[in-house]
Amino acid sequence: MIRNFLEADKQVQYGAHDGEGPVELYEIWGNTDFSSQCDFIDRQVIPPNSTVGYHKHGSNEEMYIILEGNGTMTIAGKEVKVKKGDMIKNPPFGEHGLVNDSTENIDLLIIQIAVA
């Protein structure tokens, strides 16, 4: 099966994980598309001054892959600058958030896999 992540349907979310401003969400693959424990693969576009609020995960792992842009992530309470090409792994029960404090969109893929 082939899907083009640039052609997925756009949804606009406000206050993603209690963050600020709108973010665009493109659901590419869902858990019913896999035989494995992959929960989803989504694309998210975060405009300048918008955020994904700081939040804690359950028993899953999540990977952020920054396709374009840069911003500031808070990972386990520590602020870290992220940029195009960075891959950020959030462990089970980990905490993180992302702020677009730049003048360009942040475009990223998010992969989440359940931990058995």
C-alpha atoms as a PDB file:
ATOM      1  CA  MET A   1       0.000   0.000   0.000  1.00  0.00           C
ATOM      2  CA  ILE A   2       1.280   3.492  -0.833  1.00  0.00           C
ATOM      3  CA  ARG A   3       0.205   6.775   0.688  1.00  0.00           C
ATOM      4  CA  ASN A   4       1.656  10.194   0.006  1.00  0.00           C
ATOM      5  CA  PHE A   5       2.006  12.146   3.249  1.00  0.00           C
ATOM      6  CA  LEU A   6       1.767  15.418   1.321  1.00  0.00           C
ATOM      7  CA  GLU A   7      -1.699  14.443   0.059  1.00  0.00           C
ATOM      8  CA  ALA A   8      -3.303  13.416   3.376  1.00  0.00           C
ATOM      9  CA  ASP A   9      -6.448  15.251   4.515  1.00  0.00           C
ATOM     10  CA  LYS A  10      -5.752  18.287   6.677  1.00  0.00           C
ATOM     11  CA  GLN A  11      -7.289  18.813  10.095  1.00  0.00           C
ATOM     12  CA  VAL A  12      -6.677  21.943  12.149  1.00  0.00           C
ATOM     13  CA  GLN A  13      -6.278  21.451  15.892  1.00  0.00           C
ATOM     14  CA  TYR A  14      -6.311  24.232  18.447  1.00  0.00           C
ATOM     15  CA  GLY A  15      -4.481  23.732  21.724  1.00  0.00           C
ATOM     16  CA  ALA A  16      -2.726  20.449  20.850  1.00  0.00           C
ATOM     17  CA  HIS A  17      -1.934  18.858  24.233  1.00  0.00           C
ATOM     18  CA  ASP A  18      -2.994  22.162  25.828  1.00  0.00           C
ATOM     19  CA  GLY A  19      -0.549  24.075  23.642  1.00  0.00           C
ATOM     20  CA  GLU A  20      -1.114  27.479  22.076  1.00  0.00           C
ATOM     21  CA  GLY A  21      -2.369  28.330  18.601  1.00  0.00           C
ATOM     22  CA  PRO A  22      -3.388  26.115  15.712  1.00  0.00           C
ATOM     23  CA  VAL A  23      -1.468  23.156  14.295  1.00  0.00           C
ATOM     24  CA  GLU A  24      -2.220  21.238  11.114  1.00  0.00           C
ATOM     25  CA  LEU A  25      -2.578  17.472  11.499  1.00  0.00           C
ATOM     26  CA  TYR A  26      -2.458  15.008   8.612  1.00  0.00           C
ATOM     27  CA  GLU A  27      -3.356  11.448   9.614  1.00  0.00           C
ATOM     28  CA  ILE A  28      -1.405   9.212   7.257  1.00  0.00           C
ATOM     29  CA  TRP A  29      -1.594   5.765   8.842  1.00  0.00           C
ATOM     30  CA  GLY A  30      -3.647   4.519  11.795  1.00  0.00           C
ATOM     31  CA  ASN A  31      -3.345   1.444  14.004  1.00  0.00           C
ATOM     32  CA  THR A  32      -5.745  -0.543  11.803  1.00  0.00           C
ATOM     33  CA  ASP A  33      -3.289  -0.143   8.907  1.00  0.00           C
ATOM     34  CA  PHE A  34      -0.648  -2.237  10.688  1.00  0.00           C
ATOM     35  CA  SER A  35      -0.204  -5.791  11.911  1.00  0.00           C
ATOM     36  CA  SER A  36       2.391  -4.492  14.388  1.00  0.00           C
ATOM     37  CA  GLN A  37       1.786  -2.297  17.419  1.00  0.00           C
ATOM     38  CA  CYS A  38       2.220   0.947  15.496  1.00  0.00           C
ATOM     39  CA  ASP A  39      -0.465   3.361  16.752  1.00  0.00           C
ATOM     40  CA  PHE A  40      -0.093   5.917  13.975  1.00  0.00           C
ATOM     41  CA  ILE A  41       2.135   7.838  11.605  1.00  0.00           C
ATOM     42  CA  ASP A  42       1.061  11.463  11.259  1.00  0.00           C
ATOM     43  CA  ARG A  43       2.411  14.630   9.733  1.00  0.00           C
ATOM     44  CA  GLN A  44       2.084  17.828  11.733  1.00  0.00           C
ATOM     45  CA  VAL A  45       2.741  21.410  10.650  1.00  0.00           C
ATOM     46  CA  ILE A  46       3.283  23.908  13.453  1.00  0.00           C
ATOM     47  CA  PRO A  47       3.195  27.571  12.397  1.00  0.00           C
ATOM     48  CA  PRO A  48       5.278  30.277  14.094  1.00  0.00           C
ATOM     49  CA  ASN A  49       4.139  31.049  17.664  1.00  0.00           C
ATOM     50  CA  SER A  50       2.149  27.805  17.950  1.00  0.00           C
ATOM     51  CA  THR A  51       3.026  24.989  20.319  1.00  0.00           C
ATOM     52  CA  VAL A  52       2.395  21.363  21.142  1.00  0.00           C
ATOM     53  CA  GLY A  53       1.923  21.554  24.900  1.00  0.00           C
ATOM     54  CA  TYR A  54       4.185  19.755  27.335  1.00  0.00           C
ATOM     55  CA  HIS A  55       2.596  16.368  27.999  1.00  0.00           C
ATOM     56  CA  LYS A  56       3.318  12.884  29.319  1.00  0.00           C
ATOM     57  CA  HIS A  57       2.904   9.681  27.365  1.00  0.00           C
ATOM     58  CA  GLY A  58       1.718   6.289  28.502  1.00  0.00           C
ATOM     59  CA  SER A  59       3.136   2.937  27.467  1.00  0.00           C
ATOM     60  CA  ASN A  60       4.202   3.935  23.972  1.00  0.00           C
ATOM     61  CA  GLU A  61       7.259   5.249  22.203  1.00  0.00           C
ATOM     62  CA  GLU A  62       7.060   8.246  19.927  1.00  0.00           C
ATOM     63  CA  MET A  63       9.472   9.552  17.298  1.00  0.00           C
ATOM     64  CA  TYR A  64       9.446  13.128  15.964  1.00  0.00           C
ATOM     65  CA  ILE A  65      11.248  13.569  12.639  1.00  0.00           C
ATOM     66  CA  ILE A  66      11.784  17.244  11.758  1.00  0.00           C
ATOM     67  CA  LEU A  67      11.361  17.628   7.979  1.00  0.00           C
ATOM     68  CA  GLU A  68      11.542  21.439   7.872  1.00  0.00           C
ATOM     69  CA  GLY A  69      11.983  24.277  10.319  1.00  0.00           C
ATOM     70  CA  ASN A  70      13.336  24.590  13.819  1.00  0.00           C
ATOM     71  CA  GLY A  71      12.105  25.266  17.318  1.00  0.00           C
ATOM     72  CA  THR A  72      12.531  24.434  20.973  1.00  0.00           C
ATOM     73  CA  MET A  73      11.548  21.112  22.519  1.00  0.00           C
ATOM     74  CA  THR A  74      11.226  20.493  26.192  1.00  0.00           C
ATOM     75  CA  ILE A  75      12.208  16.896  26.887  1.00  0.00           C
ATOM     76  CA  ALA A  76      11.968  15.585  30.453  1.00  0.00           C
ATOM     77  CA  GLY A  77      11.983  19.184  31.698  1.00  0.00           C
ATOM     78  CA  LYS A  78      15.047  20.281  29.690  1.00  0.00           C
ATOM     79  CA  GLU A  79      14.849  22.742  26.753  1.00  0.00           C
ATOM     80  CA  VAL A  80      16.681  21.669  23.588  1.00  0.00           C
ATOM     81  CA  LYS A  81      16.880  23.392  20.185  1.00  0.00           C
ATOM     82  CA  VAL A  82      15.733  21.155  17.304  1.00  0.00           C
ATOM     83  CA  LYS A  83      16.147  21.612  13.548  1.00  0.00           C
ATOM     84  CA  LYS A  84      15.554  20.016  10.160  1.00  0.00           C
ATOM     85  CA  GLY A  85      16.890  16.459  10.120  1.00  0.00           C
ATOM     86  CA  ASP A  86      16.626  15.888  13.879  1.00  0.00           C
ATOM     87  CA  MET A  87      14.927  12.706  15.085  1.00  0.00           C
ATOM     88  CA  ILE A  88      13.667  12.913  18.657  1.00  0.00           C
ATOM     89  CA  LYS A  89      12.707   9.697  20.497  1.00  0.00           C
ATOM     90  CA  ASN A  90      10.289   9.993  23.381  1.00  0.00           C
ATOM     91  CA  PRO A  91      10.459   6.914  25.642  1.00  0.00           C
ATOM     92  CA  PRO A  92       7.486   5.218  27.312  1.00  0.00           C
ATOM     93  CA  PHE A  93       6.033   7.478  30.025  1.00  0.00           C
ATOM     94  CA  GLY A  94       8.302  10.291  28.756  1.00  0.00           C
ATOM     95  CA  GLU A  95       7.355  13.969  28.766  1.00  0.00           C
ATOM     96  CA  HIS A  96       7.842  16.486  25.971  1.00  0.00           C
ATOM     97  CA  GLY A  97       6.478  19.549  24.180  1.00  0.00           C
ATOM     98  CA  LEU A  98       7.446  21.603  21.120  1.00  0.00           C
ATOM     99  CA  VAL A  99       7.426  25.388  20.594  1.00  0.00           C
ATOM    100  CA  ASN A 100       7.788  27.019  17.207  1.00  0.00           C
ATOM    101  CA  ASP A 101       9.753  30.085  18.245  1.00  0.00           C
ATOM    102  CA  SER A 102      10.966  30.706  14.677  1.00  0.00           C
ATOM    103  CA  THR A 103       9.536  32.597  11.700  1.00  0.00           C
ATOM    104  CA  GLU A 104       9.010  29.454   9.545  1.00  0.00           C
ATOM    105  CA  ASN A 105       6.676  26.467   9.869  1.00  0.00           C
ATOM    106  CA  ILE A 106       7.898  23.321  11.576  1.00  0.00           C
ATOM    107  CA  ASP A 107       6.942  20.314   9.444  1.00  0.00           C
ATOM    108  CA  LEU A 108       7.369  16.936  11.102  1.00  0.00           C
ATOM    109  CA  LEU A 109       6.424  13.279  10.967  1.00  0.00           C
ATOM    110  CA  ILE A 110       5.285  11.615  14.179  1.00  0.00           C
ATOM    111  CA  ILE A 111       5.478   7.841  14.621  1.00  0.00           C
ATOM    112  CA  GLN A 112       3.956   6.265  17.728  1.00  0.00           C
ATOM    113  CA  ILE A 113       4.321   2.591  18.659  1.00  0.00           C
ATOM    114  CA  ALA A 114       2.651   0.867  21.591  1.00  0.00           C
ATOM    115  CA  VAL A 115       4.886  -0.986  24.028  1.00  0.00           C
ATOM    116  CA  ALA A 116       3.648  -4.476  24.863  1.00  0.00           C
END
